[in-house]
């Protein structure tokens, strides 16, 4: 590594944090909303809405929509805690689904836990 050349782990963390985690979480949450039963759907629905809001905030500048008070508030929240707060809040709602008694397709929870471990592992590695 030379001067001003970022670490590959740092680049992987930024890419995963910005373009992978929320998108996969939205897919998992949508799947849980569609196939879930009972109370397990509600935290997944909240996680889905929060994930979609985060995705829209990330891609708003590319679409020319980076203005207005709603975008400014969302962008400030996305930057909170180094960008981790916007990832961990919808993830926490999806974790609530995993402890509900009537949740179906428990493999969705396993995928989510693996995603969360990768995110936290990369974050730890870069600190």
N, C-alpha and C. Protein backbone atom coordinates (compact mmCIF):
# COMPACT_ATOMS: atom_id res chain seq x y z
N UNK A 1 0.84 -1.17 0.00
CA UNK A 1 0.00 0.00 0.00
C UNK A 1 0.89 1.24 0.00
N UNK A 2 0.59 2.19 -0.84
CA UNK A 2 1.36 3.41 -0.92
C UNK A 2 0.58 4.55 -0.28
N UNK A 3 1.23 5.68 -0.21
CA UNK A 3 0.62 6.86 0.38
C UNK A 3 -0.65 7.25 -0.37
N UNK A 4 -1.69 7.54 0.33
CA UNK A 4 -3.00 7.94 -0.20
C UNK A 4 -3.71 6.84 -0.98
N UNK A 5 -3.30 5.61 -0.83
CA UNK A 5 -4.00 4.49 -1.45
C UNK A 5 -4.80 3.78 -0.37
N UNK A 6 -6.13 3.74 -0.50
CA UNK A 6 -6.94 3.13 0.56
C UNK A 6 -6.79 1.61 0.61
N UNK A 7 -7.02 1.09 1.78
CA UNK A 7 -6.96 -0.34 2.00
C UNK A 7 -8.11 -1.03 1.25
N UNK A 8 -7.89 -2.22 0.70
CA UNK A 8 -8.99 -2.95 0.05
C UNK A 8 -10.14 -3.27 1.01
N UNK A 9 -9.82 -3.48 2.28
CA UNK A 9 -10.87 -3.74 3.26
C UNK A 9 -11.73 -2.49 3.46
N UNK A 10 -11.11 -1.34 3.47
CA UNK A 10 -11.85 -0.09 3.61
C UNK A 10 -12.76 0.13 2.42
N UNK A 11 -12.25 -0.13 1.22
CA UNK A 11 -13.07 0.01 0.03
C UNK A 11 -14.23 -0.99 0.03
N UNK A 12 -13.97 -2.21 0.48
CA UNK A 12 -15.04 -3.21 0.57
C UNK A 12 -16.09 -2.78 1.58
N UNK A 13 -15.66 -2.22 2.70
CA UNK A 13 -16.61 -1.74 3.71
C UNK A 13 -17.47 -0.63 3.15
N UNK A 14 -16.88 0.36 2.49
CA UNK A 14 -17.67 1.45 1.91
C UNK A 14 -18.66 0.94 0.87
N UNK A 15 -18.22 0.04 0.01
CA UNK A 15 -19.10 -0.50 -1.02
C UNK A 15 -20.24 -1.29 -0.40
N UNK A 16 -19.93 -2.16 0.54
CA UNK A 16 -20.95 -2.98 1.19
C UNK A 16 -21.95 -2.12 1.95
N UNK A 17 -21.43 -1.12 2.65
CA UNK A 17 -22.28 -0.23 3.44
C UNK A 17 -23.19 0.62 2.56
N UNK A 18 -22.68 1.06 1.44
CA UNK A 18 -23.42 2.01 0.60
C UNK A 18 -24.33 1.34 -0.42
N UNK A 19 -23.89 0.21 -0.99
CA UNK A 19 -24.61 -0.34 -2.13
C UNK A 19 -25.11 -1.77 -1.99
N UNK A 20 -24.85 -2.43 -0.87
CA UNK A 20 -25.24 -3.83 -0.75
C UNK A 20 -26.18 -4.07 0.43
N UNK A 21 -25.83 -3.58 1.60
CA UNK A 21 -26.54 -3.97 2.82
C UNK A 21 -28.02 -3.59 2.79
N UNK A 22 -28.33 -2.34 2.55
CA UNK A 22 -29.74 -1.93 2.57
C UNK A 22 -30.55 -2.58 1.46
N UNK A 23 -29.93 -2.80 0.31
CA UNK A 23 -30.64 -3.42 -0.79
C UNK A 23 -31.01 -4.87 -0.45
N UNK A 24 -30.04 -5.60 0.12
CA UNK A 24 -30.33 -6.98 0.52
C UNK A 24 -31.34 -7.02 1.66
N UNK A 25 -31.23 -6.10 2.59
CA UNK A 25 -32.18 -6.05 3.70
C UNK A 25 -33.59 -5.74 3.19
N UNK A 26 -33.70 -4.88 2.21
CA UNK A 26 -35.02 -4.59 1.64
C UNK A 26 -35.61 -5.82 0.98
N UNK A 27 -34.80 -6.59 0.28
CA UNK A 27 -35.28 -7.83 -0.35
C UNK A 27 -35.73 -8.83 0.71
N UNK A 28 -34.94 -8.99 1.77
CA UNK A 28 -35.31 -9.90 2.84
C UNK A 28 -36.60 -9.44 3.53
N UNK A 29 -36.70 -8.15 3.79
CA UNK A 29 -37.89 -7.63 4.46
C UNK A 29 -39.13 -7.77 3.57
N UNK A 30 -38.98 -7.51 2.28
CA UNK A 30 -40.11 -7.69 1.37
C UNK A 30 -40.55 -9.15 1.33
N UNK A 31 -39.59 -10.05 1.30
CA UNK A 31 -39.92 -11.47 1.32
C UNK A 31 -40.66 -11.84 2.60
N UNK A 32 -40.21 -11.32 3.74
CA UNK A 32 -40.87 -11.62 5.01
C UNK A 32 -42.28 -11.01 5.05
N UNK A 33 -42.45 -9.84 4.45
CA UNK A 33 -43.78 -9.23 4.41
C UNK A 33 -44.72 -10.08 3.55
N UNK A 34 -44.22 -10.61 2.45
CA UNK A 34 -45.07 -11.39 1.55
C UNK A 34 -45.41 -12.75 2.13
N UNK A 35 -44.42 -13.47 2.66
CA UNK A 35 -44.66 -14.84 3.10
C UNK A 35 -44.89 -14.97 4.61
N UNK A 36 -44.67 -13.90 5.35
CA UNK A 36 -44.81 -13.98 6.79
C UNK A 36 -46.26 -14.08 7.22
N UNK A 37 -46.42 -14.46 8.48
CA UNK A 37 -47.76 -14.55 9.06
C UNK A 37 -47.80 -13.76 10.34
N UNK A 38 -48.95 -13.22 10.62
CA UNK A 38 -49.20 -12.57 11.90
C UNK A 38 -48.33 -11.37 12.15
N UNK A 39 -47.88 -11.30 13.38
CA UNK A 39 -47.14 -10.13 13.84
C UNK A 39 -45.75 -10.00 13.23
N UNK A 40 -45.22 -11.05 12.66
CA UNK A 40 -43.88 -11.01 12.08
C UNK A 40 -43.82 -10.07 10.88
N UNK A 41 -44.95 -9.77 10.29
CA UNK A 41 -44.96 -8.89 9.12
C UNK A 41 -44.70 -7.43 9.47
N UNK A 42 -45.14 -6.99 10.63
CA UNK A 42 -45.07 -5.55 10.94
C UNK A 42 -43.65 -5.03 11.12
N UNK A 43 -42.80 -5.68 11.89
CA UNK A 43 -41.41 -5.18 11.95
C UNK A 43 -40.70 -5.28 10.59
N UNK A 44 -41.05 -6.31 9.81
CA UNK A 44 -40.45 -6.43 8.48
C UNK A 44 -40.92 -5.29 7.58
N UNK A 45 -42.16 -4.88 7.72
CA UNK A 45 -42.67 -3.76 6.92
C UNK A 45 -41.96 -2.46 7.29
N UNK A 46 -41.74 -2.26 8.58
CA UNK A 46 -40.99 -1.07 9.01
C UNK A 46 -39.56 -1.12 8.48
N UNK A 47 -38.93 -2.28 8.57
CA UNK A 47 -37.57 -2.44 8.04
C UNK A 47 -37.54 -2.19 6.54
N UNK A 48 -38.57 -2.65 5.83
CA UNK A 48 -38.65 -2.43 4.39
C UNK A 48 -38.75 -0.95 4.07
N UNK A 49 -39.63 -0.23 4.76
CA UNK A 49 -39.78 1.21 4.51
C UNK A 49 -38.51 1.98 4.84
N UNK A 50 -37.87 1.64 5.95
CA UNK A 50 -36.63 2.33 6.32
C UNK A 50 -35.51 2.01 5.32
N UNK A 51 -35.44 0.77 4.85
CA UNK A 51 -34.43 0.40 3.87
C UNK A 51 -34.65 1.12 2.55
N UNK A 52 -35.89 1.17 2.11
CA UNK A 52 -36.19 1.87 0.85
C UNK A 52 -35.89 3.35 0.98
N UNK A 53 -36.20 3.94 2.15
CA UNK A 53 -35.86 5.35 2.38
C UNK A 53 -34.35 5.58 2.31
N UNK A 54 -33.58 4.66 2.88
CA UNK A 54 -32.12 4.78 2.81
C UNK A 54 -31.60 4.62 1.40
N UNK A 55 -32.16 3.68 0.66
CA UNK A 55 -31.74 3.47 -0.73
C UNK A 55 -32.06 4.71 -1.56
N UNK A 56 -33.25 5.26 -1.38
CA UNK A 56 -33.62 6.46 -2.13
C UNK A 56 -32.72 7.64 -1.76
N UNK A 57 -32.33 7.73 -0.51
CA UNK A 57 -31.43 8.81 -0.09
C UNK A 57 -30.05 8.66 -0.72
N UNK A 58 -29.56 7.44 -0.82
CA UNK A 58 -28.24 7.21 -1.42
C UNK A 58 -28.25 7.57 -2.90
N UNK A 59 -29.32 7.20 -3.59
CA UNK A 59 -29.35 7.41 -5.04
C UNK A 59 -30.02 8.72 -5.47
N UNK A 60 -30.51 9.52 -4.53
CA UNK A 60 -31.15 10.79 -4.88
C UNK A 60 -30.22 11.76 -5.61
N UNK A 61 -28.95 11.91 -5.21
CA UNK A 61 -28.08 12.83 -5.96
C UNK A 61 -27.89 12.41 -7.42
N UNK A 62 -27.83 11.12 -7.68
CA UNK A 62 -27.66 10.65 -9.06
C UNK A 62 -28.90 10.94 -9.90
N UNK A 63 -30.06 10.99 -9.25
CA UNK A 63 -31.31 11.28 -9.95
C UNK A 63 -31.62 12.77 -9.99
N UNK A 64 -30.76 13.59 -9.41
CA UNK A 64 -30.97 15.03 -9.41
C UNK A 64 -32.00 15.47 -8.38
N UNK A 65 -32.21 14.69 -7.35
CA UNK A 65 -33.23 14.99 -6.34
C UNK A 65 -32.60 15.34 -4.99
N UNK A 66 -31.39 15.85 -5.01
CA UNK A 66 -30.67 16.14 -3.77
C UNK A 66 -30.93 17.55 -3.29
N UNK A 67 -32.18 17.85 -3.07
CA UNK A 67 -32.55 19.17 -2.55
C UNK A 67 -33.86 19.04 -1.79
N UNK A 68 -34.15 20.03 -1.03
CA UNK A 68 -35.37 20.02 -0.25
C UNK A 68 -35.14 19.54 1.16
N UNK A 69 -36.06 19.90 2.05
CA UNK A 69 -35.88 19.57 3.47
C UNK A 69 -35.94 18.07 3.77
N UNK A 70 -36.73 17.32 3.03
CA UNK A 70 -36.83 15.88 3.28
C UNK A 70 -35.50 15.18 2.96
N UNK A 71 -34.90 15.54 1.83
CA UNK A 71 -33.62 14.95 1.48
C UNK A 71 -32.54 15.35 2.48
N UNK A 72 -32.53 16.62 2.88
CA UNK A 72 -31.50 17.09 3.82
C UNK A 72 -31.61 16.33 5.14
N UNK A 73 -32.82 16.15 5.65
CA UNK A 73 -33.01 15.42 6.90
C UNK A 73 -32.59 13.96 6.75
N UNK A 74 -32.97 13.35 5.64
CA UNK A 74 -32.61 11.94 5.40
C UNK A 74 -31.10 11.79 5.25
N UNK A 75 -30.46 12.71 4.56
CA UNK A 75 -29.01 12.64 4.37
C UNK A 75 -28.27 12.84 5.69
N UNK A 76 -28.80 13.71 6.55
CA UNK A 76 -28.18 13.89 7.86
C UNK A 76 -28.30 12.63 8.69
N UNK A 77 -29.46 11.96 8.62
CA UNK A 77 -29.63 10.71 9.35
C UNK A 77 -28.73 9.63 8.78
N UNK A 78 -28.58 9.59 7.47
CA UNK A 78 -27.71 8.59 6.83
C UNK A 78 -26.25 8.80 7.22
N UNK A 79 -25.86 10.01 7.56
CA UNK A 79 -24.48 10.30 7.95
C UNK A 79 -24.25 10.12 9.45
N UNK A 80 -25.31 9.95 10.21
CA UNK A 80 -25.20 9.81 11.67
C UNK A 80 -24.39 8.58 12.05
N UNK A 81 -23.48 8.75 12.94
CA UNK A 81 -22.66 7.63 13.41
C UNK A 81 -21.79 7.02 12.32
N UNK A 82 -21.32 7.83 11.42
CA UNK A 82 -20.49 7.33 10.33
C UNK A 82 -21.28 6.52 9.32
N UNK A 83 -22.58 6.69 9.29
CA UNK A 83 -23.43 5.96 8.35
C UNK A 83 -23.95 4.64 8.90
N UNK A 84 -23.54 4.28 10.10
CA UNK A 84 -23.95 2.99 10.66
C UNK A 84 -25.36 3.04 11.25
N UNK A 85 -25.79 4.18 11.75
CA UNK A 85 -27.12 4.27 12.36
C UNK A 85 -28.22 3.95 11.35
N UNK A 86 -28.07 4.45 10.14
CA UNK A 86 -29.08 4.21 9.10
C UNK A 86 -29.11 2.76 8.66
N UNK A 87 -28.08 2.01 8.94
CA UNK A 87 -28.05 0.60 8.60
C UNK A 87 -28.54 -0.27 9.77
N UNK A 88 -28.21 0.14 10.98
CA UNK A 88 -28.54 -0.67 12.14
C UNK A 88 -29.99 -0.52 12.59
N UNK A 89 -30.61 0.62 12.34
CA UNK A 89 -32.01 0.81 12.76
C UNK A 89 -32.95 -0.12 11.98
N UNK A 90 -32.92 -0.15 10.63
CA UNK A 90 -33.79 -1.12 9.95
C UNK A 90 -33.40 -2.56 10.25
N UNK A 91 -32.11 -2.79 10.48
CA UNK A 91 -31.67 -4.13 10.83
C UNK A 91 -32.24 -4.56 12.17
N UNK A 92 -32.33 -3.64 13.12
CA UNK A 92 -32.91 -3.96 14.42
C UNK A 92 -34.38 -4.33 14.29
N UNK A 93 -35.11 -3.63 13.43
CA UNK A 93 -36.51 -3.99 13.21
C UNK A 93 -36.63 -5.38 12.58
N UNK A 94 -35.72 -5.69 11.67
CA UNK A 94 -35.78 -7.02 11.07
C UNK A 94 -35.38 -8.10 12.09
N UNK A 95 -34.51 -7.77 13.02
CA UNK A 95 -34.16 -8.71 14.08
C UNK A 95 -35.36 -9.02 14.98
N UNK A 96 -36.25 -8.04 15.14
CA UNK A 96 -37.46 -8.28 15.92
C UNK A 96 -38.29 -9.38 15.28
N UNK A 97 -38.28 -9.43 13.95
CA UNK A 97 -39.01 -10.50 13.25
C UNK A 97 -38.48 -11.87 13.63
N UNK A 98 -37.20 -11.96 13.88
CA UNK A 98 -36.61 -13.27 14.16
C UNK A 98 -37.02 -13.82 15.52
N UNK A 99 -37.51 -12.99 16.40
CA UNK A 99 -37.94 -13.48 17.71
C UNK A 99 -39.45 -13.64 17.81
N UNK A 100 -40.16 -13.30 16.75
CA UNK A 100 -41.61 -13.49 16.78
C UNK A 100 -41.92 -14.97 16.59
N UNK A 101 -42.96 -15.45 17.24
CA UNK A 101 -43.21 -16.90 17.22
C UNK A 101 -43.74 -17.44 15.89
N UNK A 102 -44.42 -16.64 15.09
CA UNK A 102 -45.05 -17.18 13.89
C UNK A 102 -44.31 -16.81 12.61
N UNK A 103 -43.10 -16.36 12.72
CA UNK A 103 -42.33 -16.01 11.52
C UNK A 103 -42.03 -17.27 10.71
N UNK A 104 -42.17 -17.16 9.42
CA UNK A 104 -41.87 -18.28 8.53
C UNK A 104 -40.54 -18.03 7.85
N UNK A 105 -40.03 -19.10 7.26
CA UNK A 105 -38.78 -19.04 6.50
C UNK A 105 -37.65 -18.47 7.36
N UNK A 106 -37.28 -19.21 8.36
CA UNK A 106 -36.23 -18.79 9.29
C UNK A 106 -34.88 -18.62 8.61
N UNK A 107 -34.70 -19.16 7.41
CA UNK A 107 -33.44 -18.97 6.70
C UNK A 107 -33.23 -17.50 6.34
N UNK A 108 -34.32 -16.72 6.27
CA UNK A 108 -34.17 -15.28 6.05
C UNK A 108 -33.43 -14.64 7.22
N UNK A 109 -33.72 -15.12 8.42
CA UNK A 109 -33.03 -14.60 9.61
C UNK A 109 -31.55 -14.98 9.60
N UNK A 110 -31.25 -16.17 9.12
CA UNK A 110 -29.85 -16.61 9.04
C UNK A 110 -29.08 -15.73 8.05
N UNK A 111 -29.69 -15.46 6.91
CA UNK A 111 -29.04 -14.59 5.92
C UNK A 111 -28.82 -13.20 6.51
N UNK A 112 -29.82 -12.70 7.23
CA UNK A 112 -29.70 -11.37 7.83
C UNK A 112 -28.59 -11.33 8.87
N UNK A 113 -28.50 -12.37 9.69
CA UNK A 113 -27.44 -12.41 10.70
C UNK A 113 -26.06 -12.44 10.03
N UNK A 114 -25.92 -13.20 8.96
CA UNK A 114 -24.64 -13.24 8.23
C UNK A 114 -24.32 -11.86 7.65
N UNK A 115 -25.33 -11.20 7.07
CA UNK A 115 -25.12 -9.84 6.54
C UNK A 115 -24.67 -8.89 7.65
N UNK A 116 -25.31 -9.00 8.80
CA UNK A 116 -24.99 -8.12 9.92
C UNK A 116 -23.59 -8.40 10.46
N UNK A 117 -23.21 -9.67 10.53
CA UNK A 117 -21.87 -10.02 10.99
C UNK A 117 -20.81 -9.50 10.02
N UNK A 118 -21.07 -9.60 8.72
CA UNK A 118 -20.13 -9.06 7.72
C UNK A 118 -20.01 -7.56 7.87
N UNK A 119 -21.13 -6.86 8.04
CA UNK A 119 -21.11 -5.41 8.20
C UNK A 119 -20.32 -5.00 9.45
N UNK A 120 -20.64 -5.63 10.56
CA UNK A 120 -19.95 -5.28 11.80
C UNK A 120 -18.49 -5.70 11.78
N UNK A 121 -18.18 -6.81 11.12
CA UNK A 121 -16.80 -7.24 10.99
C UNK A 121 -15.98 -6.28 10.15
N UNK A 122 -16.51 -5.84 9.03
CA UNK A 122 -15.81 -4.86 8.20
C UNK A 122 -15.66 -3.53 8.93
N UNK A 123 -16.68 -3.14 9.67
CA UNK A 123 -16.62 -1.89 10.43
C UNK A 123 -15.54 -1.97 11.50
N UNK A 124 -15.50 -3.10 12.21
CA UNK A 124 -14.48 -3.29 13.23
C UNK A 124 -13.08 -3.28 12.61
N UNK A 125 -12.93 -3.95 11.48
CA UNK A 125 -11.63 -4.05 10.81
C UNK A 125 -11.11 -2.68 10.38
N UNK A 126 -12.00 -1.80 9.96
CA UNK A 126 -11.58 -0.50 9.46
C UNK A 126 -11.36 0.52 10.58
N UNK A 127 -11.81 0.22 11.78
CA UNK A 127 -11.59 1.17 12.89
C UNK A 127 -10.27 1.01 13.50
